[in-house]
Amino acid sequence: RWRSRMGMMIVNPPPTIDEICRAVADHALDEMDSAHAVIDGMNDALAAEYESGRGFRLLMKFGFVNERPEFGVDTRWSESGDCYVLKLFRDYVFHQADA
């Protein structure tokens, strides 16, 4: 089909721009559709990596707060207030067992 369209451009009289646009419109829309599909897929992959990185950073911050060595000897630190909630969350995420 592409050769016939190129041949159409060199015949006498040459085609008008409207005729050329009509001839390639179907292919142009298909190309745009496939390009948008690829871009959407890349956007989804990037969003998944971004969310995964955010979750990892959050878990690392929890680990630094929960496992602070300067509070290792202080038993009141891990059993009171906000720190206890973080400890429970850490135990829930990392120490699950099948029943």
PDB file of N, CA and C in Angstrom:
ATOM      1  N   ARG A   1       0.823  -1.194   0.000  1.00  0.00           N
ATOM      2  CA  ARG A   1       0.000   0.000   0.000  1.00  0.00           C
ATOM      3  C   ARG A   1       0.862   1.251   0.000  1.00  0.00           C
ATOM      4  N   TRP A   2       1.982   1.184   0.716  1.00  0.00           N
ATOM      5  CA  TRP A   2       2.830   2.365   0.796  1.00  0.00           C
ATOM      6  C   TRP A   2       3.409   2.711  -0.571  1.00  0.00           C
ATOM      7  N   ARG A   3       3.787   1.687  -1.349  1.00  0.00           N
ATOM      8  CA  ARG A   3       4.321   1.947  -2.681  1.00  0.00           C
ATOM      9  C   ARG A   3       3.266   2.567  -3.584  1.00  0.00           C
ATOM     10  N   SER A   4       2.037   2.109  -3.457  1.00  0.00           N
ATOM     11  CA  SER A   4       0.990   2.683  -4.306  1.00  0.00           C
ATOM     12  C   SER A   4       0.738   4.140  -3.929  1.00  0.00           C
ATOM     13  N   ARG A   5       0.862   4.452  -2.655  1.00  0.00           N
ATOM     14  CA  ARG A   5       0.680   5.849  -2.238  1.00  0.00           C
ATOM     15  C   ARG A   5       1.831   6.716  -2.712  1.00  0.00           C
ATOM     16  N   MET A   6       3.022   6.179  -2.691  1.00  0.00           N
ATOM     17  CA  MET A   6       4.169   6.950  -3.195  1.00  0.00           C
ATOM     18  C   MET A   6       4.051   7.132  -4.710  1.00  0.00           C
ATOM     19  N   GLY A   7       3.560   6.089  -5.374  1.00  0.00           N
ATOM     20  CA  GLY A   7       3.345   6.206  -6.809  1.00  0.00           C
ATOM     21  C   GLY A   7       2.268   7.231  -7.125  1.00  0.00           C
ATOM     22  N   MET A   8       1.286   7.354  -6.245  1.00  0.00           N
ATOM     23  CA  MET A   8       0.224   8.322  -6.428  1.00  0.00           C
ATOM     24  C   MET A   8       0.781   9.750  -6.397  1.00  0.00           C
ATOM     25  N   MET A   9       1.869   9.952  -5.665  1.00  0.00           N
ATOM     26  CA  MET A   9       2.419  11.295  -5.533  1.00  0.00           C
ATOM     27  C   MET A   9       3.207  11.753  -6.758  1.00  0.00           C
ATOM     28  N   ILE A  10       3.635  10.823  -7.581  1.00  0.00           N
ATOM     29  CA  ILE A  10       4.431  11.234  -8.737  1.00  0.00           C
ATOM     30  C   ILE A  10       3.655  11.224 -10.055  1.00  0.00           C
ATOM     31  N   VAL A  11       2.386  10.910 -10.029  1.00  0.00           N
ATOM     32  CA  VAL A  11       1.584  10.908 -11.257  1.00  0.00           C
ATOM     33  C   VAL A  11       1.177  12.332 -11.623  1.00  0.00           C
ATOM     34  N   ASN A  12       0.780  12.511 -12.863  1.00  0.00           N
ATOM     35  CA  ASN A  12       0.292  13.820 -13.314  1.00  0.00           C
ATOM     36  C   ASN A  12      -1.218  13.793 -13.306  1.00  0.00           C
ATOM     37  N   PRO A  13      -1.911  14.715 -12.799  1.00  0.00           N
ATOM     38  CA  PRO A  13      -1.480  15.831 -11.960  1.00  0.00           C
ATOM     39  C   PRO A  13      -1.214  15.353 -10.540  1.00  0.00           C
ATOM     40  N   PRO A  14      -0.333  16.025  -9.815  1.00  0.00           N
ATOM     41  CA  PRO A  14      -0.016  15.598  -8.441  1.00  0.00           C
ATOM     42  C   PRO A  14      -1.245  15.723  -7.539  1.00  0.00           C
ATOM     43  N   PRO A  15      -1.333  14.874  -6.525  1.00  0.00           N
ATOM     44  CA  PRO A  15      -2.505  14.913  -5.642  1.00  0.00           C
ATOM     45  C   PRO A  15      -2.498  16.164  -4.756  1.00  0.00           C
ATOM     46  N   THR A  16      -3.668  16.544  -4.329  1.00  0.00           N
ATOM     47  CA  THR A  16      -3.767  17.689  -3.422  1.00  0.00           C
ATOM     48  C   THR A  16      -3.465  17.233  -2.000  1.00  0.00           C
ATOM     49  N   ILE A  17      -3.259  18.180  -1.120  1.00  0.00           N
ATOM     50  CA  ILE A  17      -2.957  17.850   0.267  1.00  0.00           C
ATOM     51  C   ILE A  17      -4.123  17.139   0.939  1.00  0.00           C
ATOM     52  N   ASP A  18      -5.346  17.461   0.547  1.00  0.00           N
ATOM     53  CA  ASP A  18      -6.515  16.778   1.101  1.00  0.00           C
ATOM     54  C   ASP A  18      -6.509  15.298   0.740  1.00  0.00           C
ATOM     55  N   GLU A  19      -6.149  14.982  -0.489  1.00  0.00           N
ATOM     56  CA  GLU A  19      -6.090  13.587  -0.916  1.00  0.00           C
ATOM     57  C   GLU A  19      -5.002  12.828  -0.161  1.00  0.00           C
ATOM     58  N   ILE A  20      -3.874  13.470   0.055  1.00  0.00           N
ATOM     59  CA  ILE A  20      -2.780  12.829   0.804  1.00  0.00           C
ATOM     60  C   ILE A  20      -3.196  12.591   2.255  1.00  0.00           C
ATOM     61  N   CYS A  21      -3.851  13.575   2.858  1.00  0.00           N
ATOM     62  CA  CYS A  21      -4.301  13.433   4.250  1.00  0.00           C
ATOM     63  C   CYS A  21      -5.304  12.298   4.387  1.00  0.00           C
ATOM     64  N   ARG A  22      -6.223  12.181   3.441  1.00  0.00           N
ATOM     65  CA  ARG A  22      -7.193  11.095   3.483  1.00  0.00           C
ATOM     66  C   ARG A  22      -6.503   9.738   3.317  1.00  0.00           C
ATOM     67  N   ALA A  23      -5.458   9.703   2.505  1.00  0.00           N
ATOM     68  CA  ALA A  23      -4.770   8.438   2.233  1.00  0.00           C
ATOM     69  C   ALA A  23      -3.988   7.935   3.456  1.00  0.00           C
ATOM     70  N   VAL A  24      -3.418   8.831   4.221  1.00  0.00           N
ATOM     71  CA  VAL A  24      -2.592   8.398   5.359  1.00  0.00           C
ATOM     72  C   VAL A  24      -3.292   8.550   6.708  1.00  0.00           C
ATOM     73  N   ALA A  25      -4.522   9.003   6.743  1.00  0.00           N
ATOM     74  CA  ALA A  25      -5.221   9.258   8.007  1.00  0.00           C
ATOM     75  C   ALA A  25      -5.371   8.002   8.849  1.00  0.00           C
ATOM     76  N   ASP A  26      -5.735   6.877   8.218  1.00  0.00           N
ATOM     77  CA  ASP A  26      -5.912   5.645   8.980  1.00  0.00           C
ATOM     78  C   ASP A  26      -4.618   5.211   9.650  1.00  0.00           C
ATOM     79  N   HIS A  27      -3.537   5.287   8.930  1.00  0.00           N
ATOM     80  CA  HIS A  27      -2.246   4.868   9.484  1.00  0.00           C
ATOM     81  C   HIS A  27      -1.760   5.836  10.556  1.00  0.00           C
ATOM     82  N   ALA A  28      -2.004   7.105  10.365  1.00  0.00           N
ATOM     83  CA  ALA A  28      -1.572   8.094  11.353  1.00  0.00           C
ATOM     84  C   ALA A  28      -2.295   7.886  12.681  1.00  0.00           C
ATOM     85  N   LEU A  29      -3.589   7.619  12.625  1.00  0.00           N
ATOM     86  CA  LEU A  29      -4.338   7.385  13.850  1.00  0.00           C
ATOM     87  C   LEU A  29      -3.908   6.086  14.531  1.00  0.00           C
ATOM     88  N   ASP A  30      -3.608   5.053  13.748  1.00  0.00           N
ATOM     89  CA  ASP A  30      -3.107   3.805  14.333  1.00  0.00           C
ATOM     90  C   ASP A  30      -1.766   4.020  15.027  1.00  0.00           C
ATOM     91  N   GLU A  31      -0.895   4.783  14.388  1.00  0.00           N
ATOM     92  CA  GLU A  31       0.410   5.072  14.988  1.00  0.00           C
ATOM     93  C   GLU A  31       0.270   5.887  16.271  1.00  0.00           C
ATOM     94  N   MET A  32      -0.608   6.869  16.250  1.00  0.00           N
ATOM     95  CA  MET A  32      -0.821   7.672  17.454  1.00  0.00           C
ATOM     96  C   MET A  32      -1.410   6.822  18.571  1.00  0.00           C
ATOM     97  N   ASP A  33      -2.323   5.929  18.238  1.00  0.00           N
ATOM     98  CA  ASP A  33      -2.934   5.064  19.229  1.00  0.00           C
ATOM     99  C   ASP A  33      -1.903   4.136  19.857  1.00  0.00           C
ATOM    100  N   SER A  34      -1.055   3.543  19.040  1.00  0.00           N
ATOM    101  CA  SER A  34      -0.034   2.643  19.590  1.00  0.00           C
ATOM    102  C   SER A  34       1.010   3.424  20.393  1.00  0.00           C
ATOM    103  N   ALA A  35       1.334   4.642  19.976  1.00  0.00           N
ATOM    104  CA  ALA A  35       2.277   5.454  20.747  1.00  0.00           C
ATOM    105  C   ALA A  35       1.693   5.814  22.107  1.00  0.00           C
ATOM    106  N   HIS A  36       0.425   6.157  22.150  1.00  0.00           N
ATOM    107  CA  HIS A  36      -0.217   6.471  23.432  1.00  0.00           C
ATOM    108  C   HIS A  36      -0.294   5.237  24.334  1.00  0.00           C
ATOM    109  N   ALA A  37      -0.514   4.070  23.744  1.00  0.00           N
ATOM    110  CA  ALA A  37      -0.553   2.840  24.539  1.00  0.00           C
ATOM    111  C   ALA A  37       0.807   2.557  25.160  1.00  0.00           C
ATOM    112  N   VAL A  38       1.874   2.753  24.399  1.00  0.00           N
ATOM    113  CA  VAL A  38       3.225   2.545  24.928  1.00  0.00           C
ATOM    114  C   VAL A  38       3.521   3.542  26.036  1.00  0.00           C
ATOM    115  N   ILE A  39       3.149   4.788  25.838  1.00  0.00           N
ATOM    116  CA  ILE A  39       3.389   5.826  26.845  1.00  0.00           C
ATOM    117  C   ILE A  39       2.602   5.513  28.118  1.00  0.00           C
ATOM    118  N   ASP A  40       1.360   5.044  27.994  1.00  0.00           N
ATOM    119  CA  ASP A  40       0.574   4.672  29.171  1.00  0.00           C
ATOM    120  C   ASP A  40       1.228   3.518  29.928  1.00  0.00           C
ATOM    121  N   GLY A  41       1.752   2.542  29.195  1.00  0.00           N
ATOM    122  CA  GLY A  41       2.444   1.420  29.842  1.00  0.00           C
ATOM    123  C   GLY A  41       3.686   1.874  30.584  1.00  0.00           C
ATOM    124  N   MET A  42       4.440   2.762  29.970  1.00  0.00           N
ATOM    125  CA  MET A  42       5.638   3.287  30.634  1.00  0.00           C
ATOM    126  C   MET A  42       5.267   4.101  31.866  1.00  0.00           C
ATOM    127  N   ASN A  43       4.201   4.858  31.769  1.00  0.00           N
ATOM    128  CA  ASN A  43       3.743   5.658  32.900  1.00  0.00           C
ATOM    129  C   ASN A  43       3.313   4.753  34.059  1.00  0.00           C
ATOM    130  N   ASP A  44       2.616   3.664  33.761  1.00  0.00           N
ATOM    131  CA  ASP A  44       2.208   2.721  34.803  1.00  0.00           C
ATOM    132  C   ASP A  44       3.421   2.064  35.461  1.00  0.00           C
ATOM    133  N   ALA A  45       4.417   1.681  34.654  1.00  0.00           N
ATOM    134  CA  ALA A  45       5.621   1.065  35.218  1.00  0.00           C
ATOM    135  C   ALA A  45       6.377   2.047  36.102  1.00  0.00           C
ATOM    136  N   LEU A  46       6.465   3.292  35.664  1.00  0.00           N
ATOM    137  CA  LEU A  46       7.142   4.311  36.461  1.00  0.00           C
ATOM    138  C   LEU A  46       6.398   4.569  37.768  1.00  0.00           C
ATOM    139  N   ALA A  47       5.083   4.602  37.715  1.00  0.00           N
ATOM    140  CA  ALA A  47       4.296   4.816  38.939  1.00  0.00           C
ATOM    141  C   ALA A  47       4.480   3.662  39.912  1.00  0.00           C
ATOM    142  N   ALA A  48       4.555   2.427  39.404  1.00  0.00           N
ATOM    143  CA  ALA A  48       4.765   1.270  40.282  1.00  0.00           C
ATOM    144  C   ALA A  48       6.130   1.340  40.956  1.00  0.00           C
ATOM    145  N   GLU A  49       7.162   1.718  40.207  1.00  0.00           N
ATOM    146  CA  GLU A  49       8.495   1.851  40.800  1.00  0.00           C
ATOM    147  C   GLU A  49       8.534   2.964  41.825  1.00  0.00           C
ATOM    148  N   TYR A  50       7.850   4.037  41.538  1.00  0.00           N
ATOM    149  CA  TYR A  50       7.821   5.168  42.469  1.00  0.00           C
ATOM    150  C   TYR A  50       7.142   4.769  43.770  1.00  0.00           C
ATOM    151  N   GLU A  51       6.012   4.083  43.685  1.00  0.00           N
ATOM    152  CA  GLU A  51       5.304   3.653  44.884  1.00  0.00           C
ATOM    153  C   GLU A  51       6.121   2.632  45.661  1.00  0.00           C
ATOM    154  N   SER A  52       6.807   1.754  44.956  1.00  0.00           N
ATOM    155  CA  SER A  52       7.641   0.759  45.623  1.00  0.00           C
ATOM    156  C   SER A  52       8.781   1.445  46.380  1.00  0.00           C
ATOM    157  N   GLY A  53       9.383   2.443  45.782  1.00  0.00           N
ATOM    158  CA  GLY A  53      10.466   3.176  46.432  1.00  0.00           C
ATOM    159  C   GLY A  53       9.980   3.935  47.650  1.00  0.00           C
ATOM    160  N   ARG A  54       8.807   4.503  47.570  1.00  0.00           N
ATOM    161  CA  ARG A  54       8.255   5.235  48.717  1.00  0.00           C
ATOM    162  C   ARG A  54       7.994   4.299  49.874  1.00  0.00           C
ATOM    163  N   GLY A  55       7.442   3.135  49.584  1.00  0.00           N
ATOM    164  CA  GLY A  55       7.183   2.165  50.642  1.00  0.00           C
ATOM    165  C   GLY A  55       8.461   1.683  51.302  1.00  0.00           C
ATOM    166  N   PHE A  56       9.493   1.440  50.499  1.00  0.00           N
ATOM    167  CA  PHE A  56      10.765   0.995  51.054  1.00  0.00           C
ATOM    168  C   PHE A  56      11.373   2.069  51.954  1.00  0.00           C
ATOM    169  N   ARG A  57      11.350   3.309  51.502  1.00  0.00           N
ATOM    170  CA  ARG A  57      11.889   4.394  52.331  1.00  0.00           C
ATOM    171  C   ARG A  57      11.125   4.521  53.640  1.00  0.00           C
ATOM    172  N   LEU A  58       9.801   4.347  53.588  1.00  0.00           N
ATOM    173  CA  LEU A  58       9.004   4.432  54.803  1.00  0.00           C
ATOM    174  C   LEU A  58       9.357   3.310  55.771  1.00  0.00           C
ATOM    175  N   LEU A  59       9.514   2.089  55.263  1.00  0.00           N
ATOM    176  CA  LEU A  59       9.885   0.979  56.129  1.00  0.00           C
ATOM    177  C   LEU A  59      11.282   1.155  56.707  1.00  0.00           C
ATOM    178  N   MET A  60      12.198   1.721  55.940  1.00  0.00           N
ATOM    179  CA  MET A  60      13.538   1.989  56.466  1.00  0.00           C
ATOM    180  C   MET A  60      13.493   3.026  57.583  1.00  0.00           C
ATOM    181  N   LYS A  61      12.677   4.037  57.446  1.00  0.00           N
ATOM    182  CA  LYS A  61      12.540   5.037  58.505  1.00  0.00           C
ATOM    183  C   LYS A  61      11.956   4.415  59.760  1.00  0.00           C
ATOM    184  N   PHE A  62      10.962   3.548  59.598  1.00  0.00           N
ATOM    185  CA  PHE A  62      10.418   2.846  60.762  1.00  0.00           C
ATOM    186  C   PHE A  62      11.508   2.029  61.443  1.00  0.00           C
ATOM    187  N   GLY A  63      12.333   1.363  60.645  1.00  0.00           N
ATOM    188  CA  GLY A  63      13.409   0.565  61.215  1.00  0.00           C
ATOM    189  C   GLY A  63      14.401   1.405  61.999  1.00  0.00           C
ATOM    190  N   PHE A  64      14.736   2.573  61.483  1.00  0.00           N
ATOM    191  CA  PHE A  64      15.675   3.435  62.205  1.00  0.00           C
ATOM    192  C   PHE A  64      15.077   3.943  63.506  1.00  0.00           C
ATOM    193  N   VAL A  65      13.792   4.196  63.526  1.00  0.00           N
ATOM    194  CA  VAL A  65      13.165   4.678  64.754  1.00  0.00           C
ATOM    195  C   VAL A  65      13.056   3.541  65.766  1.00  0.00           C
ATOM    196  N   ASN A  66      12.647   2.360  65.324  1.00  0.00           N
ATOM    197  CA  ASN A  66      12.432   1.238  66.240  1.00  0.00           C
ATOM    198  C   ASN A  66      13.727   0.631  66.758  1.00  0.00           C
ATOM    199  N   GLU A  67      14.765   0.622  65.983  1.00  0.00           N
ATOM    200  CA  GLU A  67      15.990  -0.091  66.333  1.00  0.00           C
ATOM    201  C   GLU A  67      17.110   0.846  66.761  1.00  0.00           C
ATOM    202  N   ARG A  68      16.786   1.917  67.411  1.00  0.00           N
ATOM    203  CA  ARG A  68      17.812   2.872  67.846  1.00  0.00           C
ATOM    204  C   ARG A  68      18.625   2.270  68.981  1.00  0.00           C
ATOM    205  N   PRO A  69      19.953   2.168  68.832  1.00  0.00           N
ATOM    206  CA  PRO A  69      20.762   1.514  69.862  1.00  0.00           C
ATOM    207  C   PRO A  69      20.842   2.297  71.173  1.00  0.00           C
ATOM    208  N   GLU A  70      20.684   3.610  71.115  1.00  0.00           N
ATOM    209  CA  GLU A  70      20.792   4.376  72.359  1.00  0.00           C
ATOM    210  C   GLU A  70      19.615   4.137  73.296  1.00  0.00           C
ATOM    211  N   PHE A  71      18.517   3.593  72.764  1.00  0.00           N
ATOM    212  CA  PHE A  71      17.368   3.279  73.603  1.00  0.00           C
ATOM    213  C   PHE A  71      17.242   1.774  73.850  1.00  0.00           C
ATOM    214  N   GLY A  72      18.260   1.015  73.538  1.00  0.00           N
ATOM    215  CA  GLY A  72      18.210  -0.432  73.698  1.00  0.00           C
ATOM    216  C   GLY A  72      18.095  -0.882  75.137  1.00  0.00           C
ATOM    217  N   VAL A  73      18.640  -0.105  76.058  1.00  0.00           N
ATOM    218  CA  VAL A  73      18.594  -0.497  77.466  1.00  0.00           C
ATOM    219  C   VAL A  73      17.394   0.099  78.186  1.00  0.00           C
ATOM    220  N   ASP A  74      16.740   1.048  77.589  1.00  0.00           N
ATOM    221  CA  ASP A  74      15.597   1.708  78.216  1.00  0.00           C
ATOM    222  C   ASP A  74      14.328   0.948  77.854  1.00  0.00           C
ATOM    223  N   THR A  75      13.747   0.230  78.781  1.00  0.00           N
ATOM    224  CA  THR A  75      12.560  -0.573  78.485  1.00  0.00           C
ATOM    225  C   THR A  75      11.308   0.281  78.353  1.00  0.00           C
ATOM    226  N   ARG A  76      11.317   1.480  78.934  1.00  0.00           N
ATOM    227  CA  ARG A  76      10.142   2.348  78.841  1.00  0.00           C
ATOM    228  C   ARG A  76       9.952   2.881  77.420  1.00  0.00           C
ATOM    229  N   TRP A  77      11.054   2.985  76.660  1.00  0.00           N
ATOM    230  CA  TRP A  77      10.970   3.591  75.334  1.00  0.00           C
ATOM    231  C   TRP A  77      10.092   2.765  74.407  1.00  0.00           C
ATOM    232  N   SER A  78      10.251   1.460  74.412  1.00  0.00           N
ATOM    233  CA  SER A  78       9.550   0.633  73.429  1.00  0.00           C
ATOM    234  C   SER A  78       8.143   0.242  73.862  1.00  0.00           C
ATOM    235  N   GLU A  79       7.754   0.546  75.066  1.00  0.00           N
ATOM    236  CA  GLU A  79       6.455   0.110  75.538  1.00  0.00           C
ATOM    237  C   GLU A  79       5.504   1.261  75.837  1.00  0.00           C
ATOM    238  N   SER A  80       5.765   2.424  75.297  1.00  0.00           N
ATOM    239  CA  SER A  80       4.886   3.556  75.606  1.00  0.00           C
ATOM    240  C   SER A  80       4.744   4.471  74.399  1.00  0.00           C
ATOM    241  N   GLY A  81       3.604   5.091  74.298  1.00  0.00           N
ATOM    242  CA  GLY A  81       3.369   6.157  73.327  1.00  0.00           C
ATOM    243  C   GLY A  81       3.411   5.720  71.876  1.00  0.00           C
ATOM    244  N   ASP A  82       3.855   6.655  71.039  1.00  0.00           N
ATOM    245  CA  ASP A  82       3.895   6.434  69.593  1.00  0.00           C
ATOM    246  C   ASP A  82       4.892   5.353  69.202  1.00  0.00           C
ATOM    247  N   CYS A  83       5.941   5.234  69.954  1.00  0.00           N
ATOM    248  CA  CYS A  83       6.959   4.232  69.631  1.00  0.00           C
ATOM    249  C   CYS A  83       6.395   2.821  69.737  1.00  0.00           C
ATOM    250  N   TYR A  84       5.492   2.613  70.676  1.00  0.00           N
ATOM    251  CA  TYR A  84       4.881   1.292  70.823  1.00  0.00           C
ATOM    252  C   TYR A  84       4.021   0.957  69.605  1.00  0.00           C
ATOM    253  N   VAL A  85       3.326   1.938  69.079  1.00  0.00           N
ATOM    254  CA  VAL A  85       2.516   1.717  67.871  1.00  0.00           C
ATOM    255  C   VAL A  85       3.422   1.339  66.700  1.00  0.00           C
ATOM    256  N   LEU A  86       4.559   2.017  66.566  1.00  0.00           N
ATOM    257  CA  LEU A  86       5.503   1.678  65.500  1.00  0.00           C
ATOM    258  C   LEU A  86       6.055   0.269  65.686  1.00  0.00           C
ATOM    259  N   LYS A  87       6.324  -0.095  66.931  1.00  0.00           N
ATOM    260  CA  LYS A  87       6.827  -1.442  67.200  1.00  0.00           C
ATOM    261  C   LYS A  87       5.780  -2.487  66.834  1.00  0.00           C
ATOM    262  N   LEU A  88       4.525  -2.240  67.174  1.00  0.00           N
ATOM    263  CA  LEU A  88       3.460  -3.184  66.812  1.00  0.00           C
ATOM    264  C   LEU A  88       3.323  -3.303  65.301  1.00  0.00           C
ATOM    265  N   PHE A  89       3.416  -2.179  64.586  1.00  0.00           N
ATOM    266  CA  PHE A  89       3.322  -2.218  63.132  1.00  0.00           C
ATOM    267  C   PHE A  89       4.475  -3.015  62.545  1.00  0.00           C
ATOM    268  N   ARG A  90       5.685  -2.795  63.047  1.00  0.00           N
ATOM    269  CA  ARG A  90       6.845  -3.544  62.562  1.00  0.00           C
ATOM    270  C   ARG A  90       6.661  -5.032  62.807  1.00  0.00           C
ATOM    271  N   ASP A  91       6.207  -5.403  63.992  1.00  0.00           N
ATOM    272  CA  ASP A  91       5.998  -6.817  64.297  1.00  0.00           C
ATOM    273  C   ASP A  91       4.909  -7.414  63.410  1.00  0.00           C
ATOM    274  N   TYR A  92       3.882  -6.641  63.107  1.00  0.00           N
ATOM    275  CA  TYR A  92       2.812  -7.128  62.238  1.00  0.00           C
ATOM    276  C   TYR A  92       3.331  -7.377  60.820  1.00  0.00           C
ATOM    277  N   VAL A  93       4.144  -6.463  60.316  1.00  0.00           N
ATOM    278  CA  VAL A  93       4.617  -6.590  58.933  1.00  0.00           C
ATOM    279  C   VAL A  93       5.677  -7.670  58.791  1.00  0.00           C
ATOM    280  N   PHE A  94       6.653  -7.718  59.707  1.00  0.00           N
ATOM    281  CA  PHE A  94       7.809  -8.578  59.507  1.00  0.00           C
ATOM    282  C   PHE A  94       7.771  -9.901  60.282  1.00  0.00           C
ATOM    283  N   HIS A  95       6.873 -10.059  61.229  1.00  0.00           N
ATOM    284  CA  HIS A  95       6.883 -11.259  62.046  1.00  0.00           C
ATOM    285  C   HIS A  95       5.551 -12.004  61.971  1.00  0.00           C
ATOM    286  N   GLN A  96       4.970 -12.041  60.792  1.00  0.00           N
ATOM    287  CA  GLN A  96       3.705 -12.751  60.620  1.00  0.00           C
ATOM    288  C   GLN A  96       3.984 -14.256  60.538  1.00  0.00           C
ATOM    289  N   ALA A  97       3.050 -15.026  61.052  1.00  0.00           N
ATOM    290  CA  ALA A  97       3.152 -16.485  60.988  1.00  0.00           C
ATOM    291  C   ALA A  97       1.824 -17.047  60.494  1.00  0.00           C
ATOM    292  N   ASP A  98       1.906 -18.089  59.684  1.00  0.00           N
ATOM    293  CA  ASP A  98       0.684 -18.733  59.209  1.00  0.00           C
ATOM    294  C   ASP A  98       0.074 -19.555  60.344  1.00  0.00           C
ATOM    295  N   ALA A  99      -1.224 -19.464  60.494  1.00  0.00           N
ATOM    296  CA  ALA A  99      -1.894 -20.202  61.563  1.00  0.00           C
ATOM    297  C   ALA A  99      -2.493 -21.483  61.042  1.00  0.00           C
TER     298      ALA A  99
END
